[in-house]
Amino acid sequence: MTLPSTSPDGDIHGPGSAVNGNGFAAITSPLTHTPIPESEIHYTEDAATKVTDRIRRRCHNCYTSDTSTWRRSNLAVGKVLCNKCGLFERTHSRPRPEQFPHKRTSL
């Protein structure tokens, strides 16, 4: 039985993760406990694809792979969106823009 390790910042990391010198958890292979090279990691925007150690999700709109929650797109059926893009799409019925226009200040 493998016990979780504790990083210097006090976070607990279970099997399949390793803490590097910076205190960040690195994705590792569950069998060998060695980090997976970035060149072997593939990203998908498809909601039906199963996520594994080597396949990660990416937002269909802004291409981020780090979010608190993944949401399904209503405009691009079958695609996933990050939390920001998903909430914007749901409230505005259009994709979230890359850059928002500047607000005019009152004189």
PDB file of N, CA and C in Angstrom:
ATOM      1  N   MET A   1       0.847  -1.189   0.000  1.00  0.00           N
ATOM      2  CA  MET A   1       0.000   0.000   0.000  1.00  0.00           C
ATOM      3  C   MET A   1       0.880   1.236   0.000  1.00  0.00           C
ATOM      4  N   THR A   2       0.563   2.202  -0.891  1.00  0.00           N
ATOM      5  CA  THR A   2       1.331   3.425  -0.994  1.00  0.00           C
ATOM      6  C   THR A   2       0.617   4.528  -0.229  1.00  0.00           C
ATOM      7  N   LEU A   3       1.324   5.187   0.641  1.00  0.00           N
ATOM      8  CA  LEU A   3       0.749   6.282   1.420  1.00  0.00           C
ATOM      9  C   LEU A   3       0.976   7.591   0.703  1.00  0.00           C
ATOM     10  N   PRO A   4       0.073   8.549   0.871  1.00  0.00           N
ATOM     11  CA  PRO A   4       0.254   9.860   0.257  1.00  0.00           C
ATOM     12  C   PRO A   4       1.493  10.553   0.804  1.00  0.00           C
ATOM     13  N   SER A   5       2.135  11.354  -0.063  1.00  0.00           N
ATOM     14  CA  SER A   5       3.284  12.131   0.387  1.00  0.00           C
ATOM     15  C   SER A   5       2.832  13.548   0.719  1.00  0.00           C
ATOM     16  N   THR A   6       3.575  14.230   1.535  1.00  0.00           N
ATOM     17  CA  THR A   6       3.247  15.598   1.920  1.00  0.00           C
ATOM     18  C   THR A   6       4.298  16.526   1.345  1.00  0.00           C
ATOM     19  N   SER A   7       3.846  17.584   0.687  1.00  0.00           N
ATOM     20  CA  SER A   7       4.765  18.563   0.113  1.00  0.00           C
ATOM     21  C   SER A   7       5.191  19.553   1.198  1.00  0.00           C
ATOM     22  N   PRO A   8       6.226  20.363   0.920  1.00  0.00           N
ATOM     23  CA  PRO A   8       6.679  21.343   1.906  1.00  0.00           C
ATOM     24  C   PRO A   8       5.599  22.343   2.318  1.00  0.00           C
ATOM     25  N   ASP A   9       4.601  22.567   1.427  1.00  0.00           N
ATOM     26  CA  ASP A   9       3.549  23.527   1.766  1.00  0.00           C
ATOM     27  C   ASP A   9       2.407  22.882   2.550  1.00  0.00           C
ATOM     28  N   GLY A  10       2.525  21.555   2.862  1.00  0.00           N
ATOM     29  CA  GLY A  10       1.527  20.892   3.680  1.00  0.00           C
ATOM     30  C   GLY A  10       0.442  20.198   2.900  1.00  0.00           C
ATOM     31  N   ASP A  11       0.441  20.297   1.546  1.00  0.00           N
ATOM     32  CA  ASP A  11      -0.565  19.621   0.745  1.00  0.00           C
ATOM     33  C   ASP A  11      -0.259  18.136   0.690  1.00  0.00           C
ATOM     34  N   ILE A  12      -1.296  17.329   0.631  1.00  0.00           N
ATOM     35  CA  ILE A  12      -1.120  15.881   0.563  1.00  0.00           C
ATOM     36  C   ILE A  12      -1.328  15.446  -0.871  1.00  0.00           C
ATOM     37  N   HIS A  13      -0.399  14.633  -1.380  1.00  0.00           N
ATOM     38  CA  HIS A  13      -0.459  14.137  -2.741  1.00  0.00           C
ATOM     39  C   HIS A  13      -0.473  12.625  -2.687  1.00  0.00           C
ATOM     40  N   GLY A  14      -1.456  12.003  -3.351  1.00  0.00           N
ATOM     41  CA  GLY A  14      -1.590  10.553  -3.334  1.00  0.00           C
ATOM     42  C   GLY A  14      -0.742   9.900  -4.405  1.00  0.00           C
ATOM     43  N   PRO A  15      -0.906   8.589  -4.591  1.00  0.00           N
ATOM     44  CA  PRO A  15      -0.174   7.864  -5.623  1.00  0.00           C
ATOM     45  C   PRO A  15      -0.505   8.433  -6.996  1.00  0.00           C
ATOM     46  N   GLY A  16       0.477   8.494  -7.882  1.00  0.00           N
ATOM     47  CA  GLY A  16       0.261   9.058  -9.206  1.00  0.00           C
ATOM     48  C   GLY A  16       0.650  10.509  -9.279  1.00  0.00           C
ATOM     49  N   SER A  17       1.135  11.079  -8.188  1.00  0.00           N
ATOM     50  CA  SER A  17       1.631  12.444  -8.220  1.00  0.00           C
ATOM     51  C   SER A  17       2.950  12.480  -7.471  1.00  0.00           C
ATOM     52  N   ALA A  18       3.768  13.437  -7.835  1.00  0.00           N
ATOM     53  CA  ALA A  18       5.057  13.609  -7.178  1.00  0.00           C
ATOM     54  C   ALA A  18       5.253  15.088  -6.930  1.00  0.00           C
ATOM     55  N   VAL A  19       5.978  15.422  -5.910  1.00  0.00           N
ATOM     56  CA  VAL A  19       6.231  16.816  -5.590  1.00  0.00           C
ATOM     57  C   VAL A  19       7.648  17.136  -6.011  1.00  0.00           C
ATOM     58  N   ASN A  20       7.789  18.113  -6.932  1.00  0.00           N
ATOM     59  CA  ASN A  20       9.124  18.478  -7.371  1.00  0.00           C
ATOM     60  C   ASN A  20       9.719  19.497  -6.409  1.00  0.00           C
ATOM     61  N   GLY A  21      10.917  19.987  -6.697  1.00  0.00           N
ATOM     62  CA  GLY A  21      11.617  20.890  -5.800  1.00  0.00           C
ATOM     63  C   GLY A  21      10.895  22.194  -5.536  1.00  0.00           C
ATOM     64  N   ASN A  22       9.980  22.600  -6.427  1.00  0.00           N
ATOM     65  CA  ASN A  22       9.252  23.852  -6.248  1.00  0.00           C
ATOM     66  C   ASN A  22       8.010  23.678  -5.384  1.00  0.00           C
ATOM     67  N   GLY A  23       7.709  22.437  -4.975  1.00  0.00           N
ATOM     68  CA  GLY A  23       6.522  22.205  -4.172  1.00  0.00           C
ATOM     69  C   GLY A  23       5.275  21.973  -4.996  1.00  0.00           C
ATOM     70  N   PHE A  24       5.404  21.920  -6.344  1.00  0.00           N
ATOM     71  CA  PHE A  24       4.264  21.694  -7.208  1.00  0.00           C
ATOM     72  C   PHE A  24       4.155  20.210  -7.527  1.00  0.00           C
ATOM     73  N   ALA A  25       2.928  19.718  -7.661  1.00  0.00           N
ATOM     74  CA  ALA A  25       2.729  18.313  -7.993  1.00  0.00           C
ATOM     75  C   ALA A  25       2.912  18.131  -9.491  1.00  0.00           C
ATOM     76  N   ALA A  26       3.666  17.121  -9.879  1.00  0.00           N
ATOM     77  CA  ALA A  26       3.871  16.784 -11.282  1.00  0.00           C
ATOM     78  C   ALA A  26       3.099  15.518 -11.587  1.00  0.00           C
ATOM     79  N   ILE A  27       2.497  15.441 -12.775  1.00  0.00           N
ATOM     80  CA  ILE A  27       1.776  14.249 -13.174  1.00  0.00           C
ATOM     81  C   ILE A  27       2.788  13.134 -13.406  1.00  0.00           C
ATOM     82  N   THR A  28       2.517  11.983 -12.836  1.00  0.00           N
ATOM     83  CA  THR A  28       3.419  10.850 -13.008  1.00  0.00           C
ATOM     84  C   THR A  28       2.634   9.647 -13.485  1.00  0.00           C
ATOM     85  N   SER A  29       3.325   8.716 -14.071  1.00  0.00           N
ATOM     86  CA  SER A  29       2.717   7.468 -14.483  1.00  0.00           C
ATOM     87  C   SER A  29       2.426   6.645 -13.231  1.00  0.00           C
ATOM     88  N   PRO A  30       1.220   6.063 -13.088  1.00  0.00           N
ATOM     89  CA  PRO A  30       0.886   5.339 -11.869  1.00  0.00           C
ATOM     90  C   PRO A  30       1.707   4.069 -11.668  1.00  0.00           C
ATOM     91  N   LEU A  31       2.263   3.497 -12.733  1.00  0.00           N
ATOM     92  CA  LEU A  31       3.019   2.265 -12.592  1.00  0.00           C
ATOM     93  C   LEU A  31       4.492   2.507 -12.299  1.00  0.00           C
ATOM     94  N   THR A  32       5.076   3.514 -12.929  1.00  0.00           N
ATOM     95  CA  THR A  32       6.508   3.740 -12.770  1.00  0.00           C
ATOM     96  C   THR A  32       6.825   4.909 -11.859  1.00  0.00           C
ATOM     97  N   HIS A  33       5.864   5.760 -11.572  1.00  0.00           N
ATOM     98  CA  HIS A  33       6.041   6.945 -10.730  1.00  0.00           C
ATOM     99  C   HIS A  33       7.107   7.878 -11.289  1.00  0.00           C
ATOM    100  N   THR A  34       7.221   7.932 -12.615  1.00  0.00           N
ATOM    101  CA  THR A  34       8.127   8.876 -13.259  1.00  0.00           C
ATOM    102  C   THR A  34       7.286   9.912 -13.988  1.00  0.00           C
ATOM    103  N   PRO A  35       7.742  11.155 -14.039  1.00  0.00           N
ATOM    104  CA  PRO A  35       6.974  12.191 -14.729  1.00  0.00           C
ATOM    105  C   PRO A  35       6.801  11.868 -16.212  1.00  0.00           C
ATOM    106  N   ILE A  36       5.625  12.188 -16.753  1.00  0.00           N
ATOM    107  CA  ILE A  36       5.344  11.978 -18.170  1.00  0.00           C
ATOM    108  C   ILE A  36       5.870  13.187 -18.934  1.00  0.00           C
ATOM    109  N   PRO A  37       6.699  12.969 -19.967  1.00  0.00           N
ATOM    110  CA  PRO A  37       7.217  14.104 -20.747  1.00  0.00           C
ATOM    111  C   PRO A  37       6.086  14.876 -21.414  1.00  0.00           C
ATOM    112  N   GLU A  38       6.234  16.183 -21.497  1.00  0.00           N
ATOM    113  CA  GLU A  38       5.217  17.050 -22.087  1.00  0.00           C
ATOM    114  C   GLU A  38       4.932  16.660 -23.537  1.00  0.00           C
ATOM    115  N   SER A  39       5.928  16.128 -24.241  1.00  0.00           N
ATOM    116  CA  SER A  39       5.745  15.744 -25.639  1.00  0.00           C
ATOM    117  C   SER A  39       4.792  14.562 -25.793  1.00  0.00           C
ATOM    118  N   GLU A  40       4.577  13.780 -24.738  1.00  0.00           N
ATOM    119  CA  GLU A  40       3.688  12.624 -24.801  1.00  0.00           C
ATOM    120  C   GLU A  40       2.274  12.943 -24.324  1.00  0.00           C
ATOM    121  N   ILE A  41       2.006  14.175 -23.911  1.00  0.00           N
ATOM    122  CA  ILE A  41       0.685  14.574 -23.435  1.00  0.00           C
ATOM    123  C   ILE A  41      -0.080  15.210 -24.589  1.00  0.00           C
ATOM    124  N   HIS A  42      -1.289  14.709 -24.837  1.00  0.00           N
ATOM    125  CA  HIS A  42      -2.135  15.221 -25.906  1.00  0.00           C
ATOM    126  C   HIS A  42      -3.336  15.927 -25.283  1.00  0.00           C
ATOM    127  N   TYR A  43      -3.798  16.995 -25.939  1.00  0.00           N
ATOM    128  CA  TYR A  43      -4.926  17.767 -25.437  1.00  0.00           C
ATOM    129  C   TYR A  43      -6.127  17.568 -26.347  1.00  0.00           C
ATOM    130  N   THR A  44      -7.324  17.515 -25.754  1.00  0.00           N
ATOM    131  CA  THR A  44      -8.549  17.326 -26.518  1.00  0.00           C
ATOM    132  C   THR A  44      -9.595  18.347 -26.083  1.00  0.00           C
ATOM    133  N   GLU A  45     -10.419  18.752 -27.027  1.00  0.00           N
ATOM    134  CA  GLU A  45     -11.540  19.648 -26.753  1.00  0.00           C
ATOM    135  C   GLU A  45     -12.858  18.890 -26.836  1.00  0.00           C
ATOM    136  N   ASP A  46     -12.788  17.587 -27.115  1.00  0.00           N
ATOM    137  CA  ASP A  46     -13.957  16.743 -27.291  1.00  0.00           C
ATOM    138  C   ASP A  46     -14.480  16.281 -25.933  1.00  0.00           C
ATOM    139  N   ALA A  47     -15.755  16.500 -25.675  1.00  0.00           N
ATOM    140  CA  ALA A  47     -16.342  16.151 -24.384  1.00  0.00           C
ATOM    141  C   ALA A  47     -16.461  14.648 -24.189  1.00  0.00           C
ATOM    142  N   ALA A  48     -16.500  13.871 -25.275  1.00  0.00           N
ATOM    143  CA  ALA A  48     -16.692  12.425 -25.171  1.00  0.00           C
ATOM    144  C   ALA A  48     -15.389  11.670 -24.918  1.00  0.00           C
ATOM    145  N   THR A  49     -14.246  12.310 -25.114  1.00  0.00           N
ATOM    146  CA  THR A  49     -12.959  11.642 -24.931  1.00  0.00           C
ATOM    147  C   THR A  49     -12.671  11.448 -23.458  1.00  0.00           C
ATOM    148  N   LYS A  50     -12.257  10.240 -23.103  1.00  0.00           N
ATOM    149  CA  LYS A  50     -11.916   9.936 -21.720  1.00  0.00           C
ATOM    150  C   LYS A  50     -10.559  10.548 -21.392  1.00  0.00           C
ATOM    151  N   VAL A  51     -10.469  11.227 -20.256  1.00  0.00           N
ATOM    152  CA  VAL A  51      -9.240  11.874 -19.830  1.00  0.00           C
ATOM    153  C   VAL A  51      -8.363  10.853 -19.106  1.00  0.00           C
ATOM    154  N   THR A  52      -7.075  10.779 -19.486  1.00  0.00           N
ATOM    155  CA  THR A  52      -6.120   9.879 -18.862  1.00  0.00           C
ATOM    156  C   THR A  52      -4.875  10.676 -18.473  1.00  0.00           C
ATOM    157  N   ASP A  53      -3.822   9.968 -18.050  1.00  0.00           N
ATOM    158  CA  ASP A  53      -2.568  10.644 -17.727  1.00  0.00           C
ATOM    159  C   ASP A  53      -1.975  11.329 -18.954  1.00  0.00           C
ATOM    160  N   ARG A  54      -2.200  10.758 -20.125  1.00  0.00           N
ATOM    161  CA  ARG A  54      -1.595  11.277 -21.354  1.00  0.00           C
ATOM    162  C   ARG A  54      -2.554  12.103 -22.199  1.00  0.00           C
ATOM    163  N   ILE A  55      -3.828  12.127 -21.844  1.00  0.00           N
ATOM    164  CA  ILE A  55      -4.822  12.922 -22.562  1.00  0.00           C
ATOM    165  C   ILE A  55      -5.476  13.874 -21.572  1.00  0.00           C
ATOM    166  N   ARG A  56      -5.392  15.168 -21.852  1.00  0.00           N
ATOM    167  CA  ARG A  56      -5.975  16.192 -20.968  1.00  0.00           C
ATOM    168  C   ARG A  56      -6.952  17.044 -21.756  1.00  0.00           C
ATOM    169  N   ARG A  57      -7.851  17.694 -21.044  1.00  0.00           N
ATOM    170  CA  ARG A  57      -8.835  18.571 -21.688  1.00  0.00           C
ATOM    171  C   ARG A  57      -8.234  19.944 -21.946  1.00  0.00           C
ATOM    172  N   ARG A  58      -8.809  20.610 -22.967  1.00  0.00           N
ATOM    173  CA  ARG A  58      -8.419  21.973 -23.303  1.00  0.00           C
ATOM    174  C   ARG A  58      -9.683  22.712 -23.721  1.00  0.00           C
ATOM    175  N   CYS A  59      -9.813  23.942 -23.306  1.00  0.00           N
ATOM    176  CA  CYS A  59     -10.987  24.752 -23.631  1.00  0.00           C
ATOM    177  C   CYS A  59     -11.073  24.977 -25.139  1.00  0.00           C
ATOM    178  N   HIS A  60     -12.255  24.765 -25.699  1.00  0.00           N
ATOM    179  CA  HIS A  60     -12.477  24.952 -27.132  1.00  0.00           C
ATOM    180  C   HIS A  60     -12.374  26.423 -27.532  1.00  0.00           C
ATOM    181  N   ASN A  61     -12.606  27.326 -26.605  1.00  0.00           N
ATOM    182  CA  ASN A  61     -12.618  28.754 -26.911  1.00  0.00           C
ATOM    183  C   ASN A  61     -11.269  29.432 -26.643  1.00  0.00           C
ATOM    184  N   CYS A  62     -10.720  29.285 -25.451  1.00  0.00           N
ATOM    185  CA  CYS A  62      -9.500  30.021 -25.079  1.00  0.00           C
ATOM    186  C   CYS A  62      -8.263  29.131 -24.970  1.00  0.00           C
ATOM    187  N   TYR A  63      -8.429  27.819 -25.136  1.00  0.00           N
ATOM    188  CA  TYR A  63      -7.335  26.838 -25.169  1.00  0.00           C
ATOM    189  C   TYR A  63      -6.591  26.669 -23.843  1.00  0.00           C
ATOM    190  N   THR A  64      -7.195  27.046 -22.734  1.00  0.00           N
ATOM    191  CA  THR A  64      -6.564  26.798 -21.442  1.00  0.00           C
ATOM    192  C   THR A  64      -6.779  25.338 -21.052  1.00  0.00           C
ATOM    193  N   SER A  65      -5.855  24.797 -20.282  1.00  0.00           N
ATOM    194  CA  SER A  65      -6.017  23.418 -19.824  1.00  0.00           C
ATOM    195  C   SER A  65      -6.151  23.378 -18.298  1.00  0.00           C
ATOM    196  N   ASP A  66      -6.276  24.545 -17.672  1.00  0.00           N
ATOM    197  CA  ASP A  66      -6.369  24.630 -16.218  1.00  0.00           C
ATOM    198  C   ASP A  66      -7.619  25.410 -15.832  1.00  0.00           C
ATOM    199  N   THR A  67      -8.569  24.740 -15.195  1.00  0.00           N
ATOM    200  CA  THR A  67      -9.798  25.395 -14.770  1.00  0.00           C
ATOM    201  C   THR A  67     -10.385  24.644 -13.575  1.00  0.00           C
ATOM    202  N   SER A  68     -11.225  25.305 -12.825  1.00  0.00           N
ATOM    203  CA  SER A  68     -11.857  24.653 -11.671  1.00  0.00           C
ATOM    204  C   SER A  68     -12.965  23.706 -12.113  1.00  0.00           C
ATOM    205  N   THR A  69     -13.640  24.031 -13.210  1.00  0.00           N
ATOM    206  CA  THR A  69     -14.765  23.232 -13.692  1.00  0.00           C
ATOM    207  C   THR A  69     -14.797  23.230 -15.212  1.00  0.00           C
ATOM    208  N   TRP A  70     -15.056  22.075 -15.787  1.00  0.00           N
ATOM    209  CA  TRP A  70     -15.241  21.970 -17.238  1.00  0.00           C
ATOM    210  C   TRP A  70     -16.721  22.005 -17.532  1.00  0.00           C
ATOM    211  N   ARG A  71     -17.121  22.729 -18.584  1.00  0.00           N
ATOM    212  CA  ARG A  71     -18.526  22.863 -18.962  1.00  0.00           C
ATOM    213  C   ARG A  71     -18.695  22.478 -20.426  1.00  0.00           C
ATOM    214  N   ARG A  72     -19.865  21.939 -20.762  1.00  0.00           N
ATOM    215  CA  ARG A  72     -20.162  21.584 -22.152  1.00  0.00           C
ATOM    216  C   ARG A  72     -20.686  22.807 -22.891  1.00  0.00           C
ATOM    217  N   SER A  73     -20.251  22.959 -24.129  1.00  0.00           N
ATOM    218  CA  SER A  73     -20.672  24.086 -24.944  1.00  0.00           C
ATOM    219  C   SER A  73     -22.039  23.819 -25.555  1.00  0.00           C
ATOM    220  N   ASN A  74     -22.900  24.838 -25.578  1.00  0.00           N
ATOM    221  CA  ASN A  74     -24.188  24.745 -26.258  1.00  0.00           C
ATOM    222  C   ASN A  74     -24.071  25.196 -27.707  1.00  0.00           C
ATOM    223  N   LEU A  75     -23.100  26.034 -28.003  1.00  0.00           N
ATOM    224  CA  LEU A  75     -22.916  26.539 -29.370  1.00  0.00           C
ATOM    225  C   LEU A  75     -22.096  25.571 -30.216  1.00  0.00           C
ATOM    226  N   ALA A  76     -21.051  24.996 -29.646  1.00  0.00           N
ATOM    227  CA  ALA A  76     -20.225  23.996 -30.325  1.00  0.00           C
ATOM    228  C   ALA A  76     -20.503  22.657 -29.643  1.00  0.00           C
ATOM    229  N   VAL A  77     -21.528  21.962 -30.112  1.00  0.00           N
ATOM    230  CA  VAL A  77     -21.987  20.735 -29.463  1.00  0.00           C
ATOM    231  C   VAL A  77     -20.870  19.690 -29.450  1.00  0.00           C
ATOM    232  N   GLY A  78     -20.673  19.088 -28.277  1.00  0.00           N
ATOM    233  CA  GLY A  78     -19.662  18.053 -28.124  1.00  0.00           C
ATOM    234  C   GLY A  78     -18.309  18.575 -27.696  1.00  0.00           C
ATOM    235  N   LYS A  79     -18.178  19.882 -27.511  1.00  0.00           N
ATOM    236  CA  LYS A  79     -16.908  20.484 -27.099  1.00  0.00           C
ATOM    237  C   LYS A  79     -16.988  20.903 -25.635  1.00  0.00           C
ATOM    238  N   VAL A  80     -15.821  21.004 -24.980  1.00  0.00           N
ATOM    239  CA  VAL A  80     -15.773  21.440 -23.589  1.00  0.00           C
ATOM    240  C   VAL A  80     -15.204  22.845 -23.504  1.00  0.00           C
ATOM    241  N   LEU A  81     -15.647  23.557 -22.473  1.00  0.00           N
ATOM    242  CA  LEU A  81     -15.193  24.924 -22.218  1.00  0.00           C
ATOM    243  C   LEU A  81     -14.709  25.025 -20.779  1.00  0.00           C
ATOM    244  N   CYS A  82     -13.775  25.940 -20.542  1.00  0.00           N
ATOM    245  CA  CYS A  82     -13.361  26.210 -19.169  1.00  0.00           C
ATOM    246  C   CYS A  82     -14.511  26.916 -18.451  1.00  0.00           C
ATOM    247  N   ASN A  83     -14.393  27.096 -17.173  1.00  0.00           N
ATOM    248  CA  ASN A  83     -15.454  27.705 -16.382  1.00  0.00           C
ATOM    249  C   ASN A  83     -15.791  29.118 -16.873  1.00  0.00           C
ATOM    250  N   LYS A  84     -14.771  29.939 -17.115  1.00  0.00           N
ATOM    251  CA  LYS A  84     -15.012  31.324 -17.556  1.00  0.00           C
ATOM    252  C   LYS A  84     -15.763  31.372 -18.880  1.00  0.00           C
ATOM    253  N   CYS A  85     -15.281  30.607 -19.865  1.00  0.00           N
ATOM    254  CA  CYS A  85     -15.908  30.623 -21.191  1.00  0.00           C
ATOM    255  C   CYS A  85     -17.304  30.006 -21.150  1.00  0.00           C
ATOM    256  N   GLY A  86     -17.481  28.957 -20.340  1.00  0.00           N
ATOM    257  CA  GLY A  86     -18.786  28.313 -20.238  1.00  0.00           C
ATOM    258  C   GLY A  86     -19.834  29.216 -19.613  1.00  0.00           C
ATOM    259  N   LEU A  87     -19.469  29.929 -18.559  1.00  0.00           N
ATOM    260  CA  LEU A  87     -20.420  30.850 -17.922  1.00  0.00           C
ATOM    261  C   LEU A  87     -20.734  32.030 -18.843  1.00  0.00           C
ATOM    262  N   PHE A  88     -19.723  32.542 -19.553  1.00  0.00           N
ATOM    263  CA  PHE A  88     -19.958  33.651 -20.474  1.00  0.00           C
ATOM    264  C   PHE A  88     -20.892  33.209 -21.596  1.00  0.00           C
ATOM    265  N   GLU A  89     -20.646  32.023 -22.162  1.00  0.00           N
ATOM    266  CA  GLU A  89     -21.490  31.520 -23.252  1.00  0.00           C
ATOM    267  C   GLU A  89     -22.926  31.325 -22.792  1.00  0.00           C
ATOM    268  N   ARG A  90     -23.106  30.821 -21.573  1.00  0.00           N
ATOM    269  CA  ARG A  90     -24.448  30.571 -21.063  1.00  0.00           C
ATOM    270  C   ARG A  90     -25.217  31.878 -20.839  1.00  0.00           C
ATOM    271  N   THR A  91     -24.545  32.917 -20.368  1.00  0.00           N
ATOM    272  CA  THR A  91     -25.243  34.165 -20.067  1.00  0.00           C
ATOM    273  C   THR A  91     -25.399  35.086 -21.282  1.00  0.00           C
ATOM    274  N   HIS A  92     -24.481  34.998 -22.263  1.00  0.00           N
ATOM    275  CA  HIS A  92     -24.513  35.918 -23.405  1.00  0.00           C
ATOM    276  C   HIS A  92     -24.869  35.250 -24.729  1.00  0.00           C
ATOM    277  N   SER A  93     -24.994  33.931 -24.753  1.00  0.00           N
ATOM    278  CA  SER A  93     -25.319  33.154 -25.959  1.00  0.00           C
ATOM    279  C   SER A  93     -24.357  33.426 -27.113  1.00  0.00           C
ATOM    280  N   ARG A  94     -23.109  33.618 -26.775  1.00  0.00           N
ATOM    281  CA  ARG A  94     -22.038  33.782 -27.767  1.00  0.00           C
ATOM    282  C   ARG A  94     -20.718  33.422 -27.100  1.00  0.00           C
ATOM    283  N   PRO A  95     -19.693  33.098 -27.902  1.00  0.00           N
ATOM    284  CA  PRO A  95     -18.401  32.741 -27.300  1.00  0.00           C
ATOM    285  C   PRO A  95     -17.766  33.921 -26.573  1.00  0.00           C
ATOM    286  N   ARG A  96     -17.024  33.640 -25.555  1.00  0.00           N
ATOM    287  CA  ARG A  96     -16.301  34.669 -24.802  1.00  0.00           C
ATOM    288  C   ARG A  96     -15.191  35.237 -25.679  1.00  0.00           C
ATOM    289  N   PRO A  97     -15.098  36.565 -25.814  1.00  0.00           N
ATOM    290  CA  PRO A  97     -14.042  37.162 -26.650  1.00  0.00           C
ATOM    291  C   PRO A  97     -12.664  37.005 -26.009  1.00  0.00           C
ATOM    292  N   GLU A  98     -11.634  36.997 -26.856  1.00  0.00           N
ATOM    293  CA  GLU A  98     -10.266  36.886 -26.347  1.00  0.00           C
ATOM    294  C   GLU A  98      -9.901  38.110 -25.512  1.00  0.00           C
ATOM    295  N   GLN A  99     -10.345  39.265 -25.975  1.00  0.00           N
ATOM    296  CA  GLN A  99     -10.043  40.507 -25.263  1.00  0.00           C
ATOM    297  C   GLN A  99     -11.312  41.346 -25.234  1.00  0.00           C
ATOM    298  N   PHE A 100     -11.630  41.874 -24.085  1.00  0.00           N
ATOM    299  CA  PHE A 100     -12.831  42.682 -23.948  1.00  0.00           C
ATOM    300  C   PHE A 100     -12.530  44.131 -24.335  1.00  0.00           C
ATOM    301  N   PRO A 101     -13.504  44.824 -24.955  1.00  0.00           N
ATOM    302  CA  PRO A 101     -13.289  46.234 -25.299  1.00  0.00           C
ATOM    303  C   PRO A 101     -13.154  47.086 -24.037  1.00  0.00           C
ATOM    304  N   HIS A 102     -12.395  48.158 -24.145  1.00  0.00           N
ATOM    305  CA  HIS A 102     -12.205  49.042 -23.007  1.00  0.00           C
ATOM    306  C   HIS A 102     -13.493  49.823 -22.732  1.00  0.00           C
ATOM    307  N   LYS A 103     -13.793  49.998 -21.473  1.00  0.00           N
ATOM    308  CA  LYS A 103     -14.964  50.780 -21.089  1.00  0.00           C
ATOM    309  C   LYS A 103     -14.606  52.266 -21.168  1.00  0.00           C
ATOM    310  N   ARG A 104     -15.554  53.038 -21.656  1.00  0.00           N
ATOM    311  CA  ARG A 104     -15.331  54.486 -21.698  1.00  0.00           C
ATOM    312  C   ARG A 104     -15.550  55.076 -20.320  1.00  0.00           C
ATOM    313  N   THR A 105     -14.728  55.985 -19.944  1.00  0.00           N
ATOM    314  CA  THR A 105     -14.905  56.649 -18.654  1.00  0.00           C
ATOM    315  C   THR A 105     -15.783  57.869 -18.837  1.00  0.00           C
ATOM    316  N   SER A 106     -16.519  58.216 -17.804  1.00  0.00           N
ATOM    317  CA  SER A 106     -17.385  59.398 -17.880  1.00  0.00           C
ATOM    318  C   SER A 106     -16.546  60.655 -17.716  1.00  0.00           C
ATOM    319  N   LEU A 107     -16.986  61.699 -18.380  1.00  0.00           N
ATOM    320  CA  LEU A 107     -16.268  62.978 -18.326  1.00  0.00           C
ATOM    321  C   LEU A 107     -16.749  63.850 -17.217  1.00  0.00           C
TER     322      LEU A 107
END
